[in-house]
Amino acid sequence: MPHHDHPTWLLDERRRLGDRVRERRMWCNSTQEGLAARAGISRDTVQRIEHATNIPRLSDLLRIARALQTRLADLLQEVAPASRRGTAGRDNRPARGWPADAAADG
């Protein structure tokens, strides 16, 4: 199905997903190439997800979530502000950088 035939809400959700992937990747000080290598996917796939130019495969999203040390659910849904979660002051962001053994986890 061509990109322009999708409902607007679907494109909006894909854009938000891409934004969350990019945000997590940048928080980890990683490039698209670095994330792709850790996730076992191509840099083009990471770029297409971040730019919402295709509908990502579930397997790619699972690999990305694992490489970013987060849950897939965190990439798929917006996180409520801390004041609404009752966790004001708590930092739920992933740790910066990659653990030394992250690349070894297959």
N, C-alpha and C. Protein backbone atom coordinates (compact mmCIF):
# COMPACT_ATOMS: atom_id res chain seq x y z
N MET A 1 0.85 -1.18 0.00
CA MET A 1 0.00 0.00 0.00
C MET A 1 0.90 1.24 0.00
N PRO A 2 0.72 2.14 -0.93
CA PRO A 2 1.55 3.33 -0.97
C PRO A 2 1.41 4.17 0.29
N HIS A 3 2.49 4.84 0.61
CA HIS A 3 2.58 5.68 1.80
C HIS A 3 1.41 6.65 1.91
N HIS A 4 1.00 7.26 0.81
CA HIS A 4 -0.04 8.29 0.85
C HIS A 4 -1.45 7.72 1.05
N ASP A 5 -1.62 6.41 0.95
CA ASP A 5 -2.94 5.80 1.15
C ASP A 5 -3.22 5.47 2.61
N HIS A 6 -2.24 5.66 3.48
CA HIS A 6 -2.44 5.35 4.89
C HIS A 6 -3.19 6.48 5.57
N PRO A 7 -3.99 6.14 6.57
CA PRO A 7 -4.69 7.20 7.31
C PRO A 7 -3.68 8.12 8.01
N THR A 8 -4.06 9.34 8.20
CA THR A 8 -3.19 10.34 8.82
C THR A 8 -2.74 9.90 10.20
N TRP A 9 -3.64 9.30 10.97
CA TRP A 9 -3.27 8.90 12.33
C TRP A 9 -2.15 7.87 12.33
N LEU A 10 -2.12 7.01 11.31
CA LEU A 10 -1.07 5.99 11.24
C LEU A 10 0.28 6.64 10.97
N LEU A 11 0.32 7.57 10.05
CA LEU A 11 1.56 8.29 9.77
C LEU A 11 2.02 9.06 11.00
N ASP A 12 1.09 9.68 11.72
CA ASP A 12 1.44 10.40 12.94
C ASP A 12 2.06 9.47 13.98
N GLU A 13 1.50 8.28 14.13
CA GLU A 13 2.05 7.31 15.09
C GLU A 13 3.44 6.85 14.67
N ARG A 14 3.63 6.62 13.38
CA ARG A 14 4.95 6.22 12.90
C ARG A 14 5.97 7.32 13.13
N ARG A 15 5.57 8.56 12.96
CA ARG A 15 6.47 9.69 13.22
C ARG A 15 6.85 9.75 14.69
N ARG A 16 5.86 9.55 15.57
CA ARG A 16 6.16 9.57 17.00
C ARG A 16 7.09 8.42 17.37
N LEU A 17 6.88 7.25 16.80
CA LEU A 17 7.76 6.12 17.04
C LEU A 17 9.18 6.46 16.60
N GLY A 18 9.30 7.00 15.41
CA GLY A 18 10.62 7.39 14.90
C GLY A 18 11.30 8.41 15.80
N ASP A 19 10.52 9.36 16.30
CA ASP A 19 11.06 10.37 17.21
C ASP A 19 11.57 9.72 18.50
N ARG A 20 10.83 8.76 19.02
CA ARG A 20 11.24 8.10 20.26
C ARG A 20 12.49 7.24 20.04
N VAL A 21 12.57 6.57 18.90
CA VAL A 21 13.77 5.78 18.60
C VAL A 21 14.97 6.73 18.51
N ARG A 22 14.82 7.81 17.76
CA ARG A 22 15.93 8.78 17.60
C ARG A 22 16.34 9.36 18.95
N GLU A 23 15.35 9.72 19.78
CA GLU A 23 15.64 10.30 21.09
C GLU A 23 16.44 9.32 21.95
N ARG A 24 16.00 8.08 22.00
CA ARG A 24 16.72 7.07 22.80
C ARG A 24 18.12 6.84 22.24
N ARG A 25 18.22 6.76 20.92
CA ARG A 25 19.53 6.53 20.29
C ARG A 25 20.48 7.66 20.63
N MET A 26 20.01 8.88 20.54
CA MET A 26 20.87 10.03 20.82
C MET A 26 21.22 10.10 22.30
N TRP A 27 20.29 9.71 23.16
CA TRP A 27 20.57 9.69 24.60
C TRP A 27 21.71 8.72 24.90
N CYS A 28 21.78 7.65 24.13
CA CYS A 28 22.85 6.66 24.30
C CYS A 28 24.12 7.06 23.55
N ASN A 29 24.12 8.27 23.00
CA ASN A 29 25.29 8.76 22.25
C ASN A 29 25.66 7.83 21.11
N SER A 30 24.68 7.35 20.41
CA SER A 30 24.92 6.41 19.31
C SER A 30 24.51 7.03 17.98
N THR A 31 25.17 6.59 16.94
CA THR A 31 24.79 6.97 15.58
C THR A 31 23.78 5.95 15.05
N GLN A 32 23.20 6.25 13.91
CA GLN A 32 22.32 5.27 13.27
C GLN A 32 23.11 4.01 12.95
N GLU A 33 24.36 4.19 12.51
CA GLU A 33 25.21 3.03 12.19
C GLU A 33 25.47 2.18 13.44
N GLY A 34 25.75 2.85 14.55
CA GLY A 34 26.02 2.12 15.79
C GLY A 34 24.80 1.35 16.27
N LEU A 35 23.63 1.98 16.23
CA LEU A 35 22.40 1.30 16.62
C LEU A 35 22.13 0.12 15.69
N ALA A 36 22.30 0.34 14.40
CA ALA A 36 22.06 -0.73 13.44
C ALA A 36 22.96 -1.93 13.72
N ALA A 37 24.23 -1.67 14.00
CA ALA A 37 25.16 -2.76 14.30
C ALA A 37 24.75 -3.52 15.55
N ARG A 38 24.36 -2.80 16.58
CA ARG A 38 23.96 -3.46 17.83
C ARG A 38 22.65 -4.23 17.68
N ALA A 39 21.78 -3.72 16.81
CA ALA A 39 20.48 -4.37 16.61
C ALA A 39 20.52 -5.46 15.55
N GLY A 40 21.59 -5.52 14.78
CA GLY A 40 21.69 -6.53 13.73
C GLY A 40 20.79 -6.23 12.53
N ILE A 41 20.61 -4.94 12.25
CA ILE A 41 19.80 -4.51 11.11
C ILE A 41 20.61 -3.49 10.32
N SER A 42 20.10 -3.07 9.19
CA SER A 42 20.83 -2.11 8.37
C SER A 42 20.61 -0.68 8.86
N ARG A 43 21.58 0.19 8.55
CA ARG A 43 21.42 1.60 8.87
C ARG A 43 20.22 2.19 8.13
N ASP A 44 19.99 1.71 6.91
CA ASP A 44 18.83 2.18 6.14
C ASP A 44 17.53 1.88 6.88
N THR A 45 17.46 0.72 7.53
CA THR A 45 16.25 0.38 8.29
C THR A 45 16.06 1.35 9.45
N VAL A 46 17.13 1.65 10.18
CA VAL A 46 17.04 2.61 11.28
C VAL A 46 16.59 3.96 10.74
N GLN A 47 17.20 4.38 9.64
CA GLN A 47 16.84 5.68 9.06
C GLN A 47 15.37 5.72 8.63
N ARG A 48 14.89 4.65 8.00
CA ARG A 48 13.49 4.62 7.57
C ARG A 48 12.53 4.66 8.75
N ILE A 49 12.89 3.99 9.85
CA ILE A 49 12.03 4.03 11.05
C ILE A 49 12.04 5.43 11.65
N GLU A 50 13.22 6.02 11.79
CA GLU A 50 13.31 7.35 12.39
C GLU A 50 12.61 8.41 11.55
N HIS A 51 12.60 8.22 10.24
CA HIS A 51 11.96 9.21 9.35
C HIS A 51 10.55 8.81 8.94
N ALA A 52 10.06 7.70 9.48
CA ALA A 52 8.68 7.24 9.25
C ALA A 52 8.37 7.04 7.77
N THR A 53 9.34 6.51 7.03
CA THR A 53 9.11 6.32 5.61
C THR A 53 8.63 4.92 5.25
N ASN A 54 8.52 4.06 6.25
CA ASN A 54 7.93 2.74 6.01
C ASN A 54 7.27 2.23 7.29
N ILE A 55 6.55 1.15 7.16
CA ILE A 55 5.96 0.51 8.33
C ILE A 55 6.97 -0.51 8.83
N PRO A 56 7.51 -0.30 10.03
CA PRO A 56 8.57 -1.19 10.51
C PRO A 56 8.07 -2.58 10.84
N ARG A 57 8.97 -3.54 10.67
CA ARG A 57 8.65 -4.92 11.05
C ARG A 57 8.79 -5.06 12.56
N LEU A 58 7.95 -5.90 13.13
CA LEU A 58 8.00 -6.14 14.56
C LEU A 58 9.38 -6.64 14.98
N SER A 59 9.96 -7.53 14.21
CA SER A 59 11.28 -8.06 14.56
C SER A 59 12.33 -6.96 14.62
N ASP A 60 12.25 -5.98 13.72
CA ASP A 60 13.21 -4.86 13.75
C ASP A 60 12.99 -4.00 14.99
N LEU A 61 11.75 -3.76 15.34
CA LEU A 61 11.46 -2.96 16.53
C LEU A 61 11.93 -3.67 17.81
N LEU A 62 11.75 -4.98 17.86
CA LEU A 62 12.23 -5.74 19.01
C LEU A 62 13.75 -5.67 19.12
N ARG A 63 14.43 -5.78 18.00
CA ARG A 63 15.90 -5.70 17.99
C ARG A 63 16.37 -4.31 18.43
N ILE A 64 15.69 -3.28 17.94
CA ILE A 64 16.05 -1.91 18.31
C ILE A 64 15.83 -1.68 19.80
N ALA A 65 14.70 -2.12 20.31
CA ALA A 65 14.41 -1.94 21.74
C ALA A 65 15.49 -2.63 22.58
N ARG A 66 15.86 -3.82 22.20
CA ARG A 66 16.90 -4.54 22.97
C ARG A 66 18.23 -3.80 22.88
N ALA A 67 18.59 -3.34 21.69
CA ALA A 67 19.85 -2.62 21.51
C ALA A 67 19.87 -1.31 22.30
N LEU A 68 18.71 -0.68 22.45
CA LEU A 68 18.60 0.56 23.21
C LEU A 68 18.35 0.31 24.69
N GLN A 69 18.33 -0.94 25.09
CA GLN A 69 18.12 -1.34 26.48
C GLN A 69 16.84 -0.74 27.04
N THR A 70 15.77 -0.90 26.28
CA THR A 70 14.47 -0.42 26.70
C THR A 70 13.43 -1.46 26.31
N ARG A 71 12.23 -1.25 26.76
CA ARG A 71 11.13 -2.14 26.39
C ARG A 71 10.49 -1.64 25.11
N LEU A 72 10.01 -2.55 24.30
CA LEU A 72 9.31 -2.16 23.08
C LEU A 72 8.13 -1.26 23.42
N ALA A 73 7.44 -1.56 24.50
CA ALA A 73 6.29 -0.75 24.92
C ALA A 73 6.69 0.71 25.12
N ASP A 74 7.91 0.95 25.62
CA ASP A 74 8.36 2.32 25.83
C ASP A 74 8.56 3.06 24.51
N LEU A 75 8.90 2.34 23.46
CA LEU A 75 9.05 2.96 22.15
C LEU A 75 7.71 3.18 21.47
N LEU A 76 6.73 2.35 21.82
CA LEU A 76 5.43 2.41 21.15
C LEU A 76 4.44 3.36 21.79
N GLN A 77 4.66 3.73 23.02
CA GLN A 77 3.71 4.62 23.67
C GLN A 77 4.42 5.83 24.23
N GLU A 78 3.70 6.92 24.29
CA GLU A 78 4.27 8.11 24.88
C GLU A 78 4.28 7.95 26.39
N VAL A 79 5.32 8.45 27.00
CA VAL A 79 5.44 8.38 28.45
C VAL A 79 4.78 9.61 29.04
N ALA A 80 3.92 9.39 30.02
CA ALA A 80 3.22 10.50 30.67
C ALA A 80 4.23 11.33 31.44
N PRO A 81 3.99 12.63 31.56
CA PRO A 81 4.89 13.47 32.37
C PRO A 81 4.99 12.91 33.78
N ALA A 82 6.12 13.13 34.42
CA ALA A 82 6.38 12.58 35.75
C ALA A 82 5.30 12.97 36.74
N SER A 83 4.82 14.19 36.66
CA SER A 83 3.81 14.63 37.63
C SER A 83 2.52 13.85 37.49
N ARG A 84 2.21 13.36 36.29
CA ARG A 84 0.99 12.58 36.09
C ARG A 84 1.20 11.12 36.46
N ARG A 85 2.45 10.64 36.47
CA ARG A 85 2.74 9.25 36.83
C ARG A 85 2.90 9.08 38.33
N GLY A 86 3.07 10.19 39.02
CA GLY A 86 3.31 10.08 40.46
C GLY A 86 4.76 9.76 40.76
N THR A 87 5.66 10.03 39.80
CA THR A 87 7.07 9.72 40.01
C THR A 87 7.91 10.97 39.81
N ALA A 88 7.41 12.11 40.24
CA ALA A 88 8.14 13.36 40.06
C ALA A 88 9.54 13.22 40.62
N GLY A 89 10.51 13.69 39.84
CA GLY A 89 11.89 13.64 40.29
C GLY A 89 12.60 12.34 39.96
N ARG A 90 11.89 11.34 39.51
CA ARG A 90 12.51 10.07 39.18
C ARG A 90 12.91 10.08 37.71
N ASP A 91 14.11 9.69 37.42
CA ASP A 91 14.63 9.71 36.07
C ASP A 91 14.49 8.31 35.47
N ASN A 92 13.58 8.16 34.51
CA ASN A 92 13.33 6.85 33.90
C ASN A 92 14.06 6.66 32.59
N ARG A 93 15.01 7.54 32.28
CA ARG A 93 15.74 7.41 31.03
C ARG A 93 16.78 6.31 31.14
N PRO A 94 17.15 5.72 30.00
CA PRO A 94 18.18 4.67 30.04
C PRO A 94 19.53 5.26 30.39
N ALA A 95 20.41 4.42 30.89
CA ALA A 95 21.76 4.87 31.20
C ALA A 95 22.47 5.29 29.92
N ARG A 96 23.29 6.32 30.01
CA ARG A 96 24.04 6.77 28.83
C ARG A 96 25.10 5.74 28.46
N GLY A 97 25.35 5.64 27.17
CA GLY A 97 26.40 4.77 26.69
C GLY A 97 25.97 3.31 26.65
N TRP A 98 26.82 2.51 26.14
CA TRP A 98 26.53 1.08 25.97
C TRP A 98 27.34 0.28 26.96
N PRO A 99 26.77 -0.78 27.51
CA PRO A 99 27.57 -1.64 28.37
C PRO A 99 28.60 -2.38 27.52
N ALA A 100 29.70 -2.73 28.14
CA ALA A 100 30.79 -3.37 27.41
C ALA A 100 30.36 -4.65 26.73
N ASP A 101 29.41 -5.37 27.29
CA ASP A 101 29.01 -6.65 26.72
C ASP A 101 27.76 -6.57 25.86
N ALA A 102 27.26 -5.38 25.54
CA ALA A 102 26.03 -5.25 24.76
C ALA A 102 26.16 -5.88 23.39
N ALA A 103 27.30 -5.71 22.76
CA ALA A 103 27.49 -6.26 21.42
C ALA A 103 27.59 -7.78 21.46
N ALA A 104 27.97 -8.33 22.61
CA ALA A 104 28.12 -9.78 22.73
C ALA A 104 26.77 -10.49 22.90
N ASP A 105 25.77 -9.74 23.41
CA ASP A 105 24.45 -10.34 23.58
C ASP A 105 23.84 -10.55 22.20
N GLY A 106 23.58 -11.74 21.81
CA GLY A 106 23.08 -11.97 20.47
C GLY A 106 21.69 -12.33 20.49
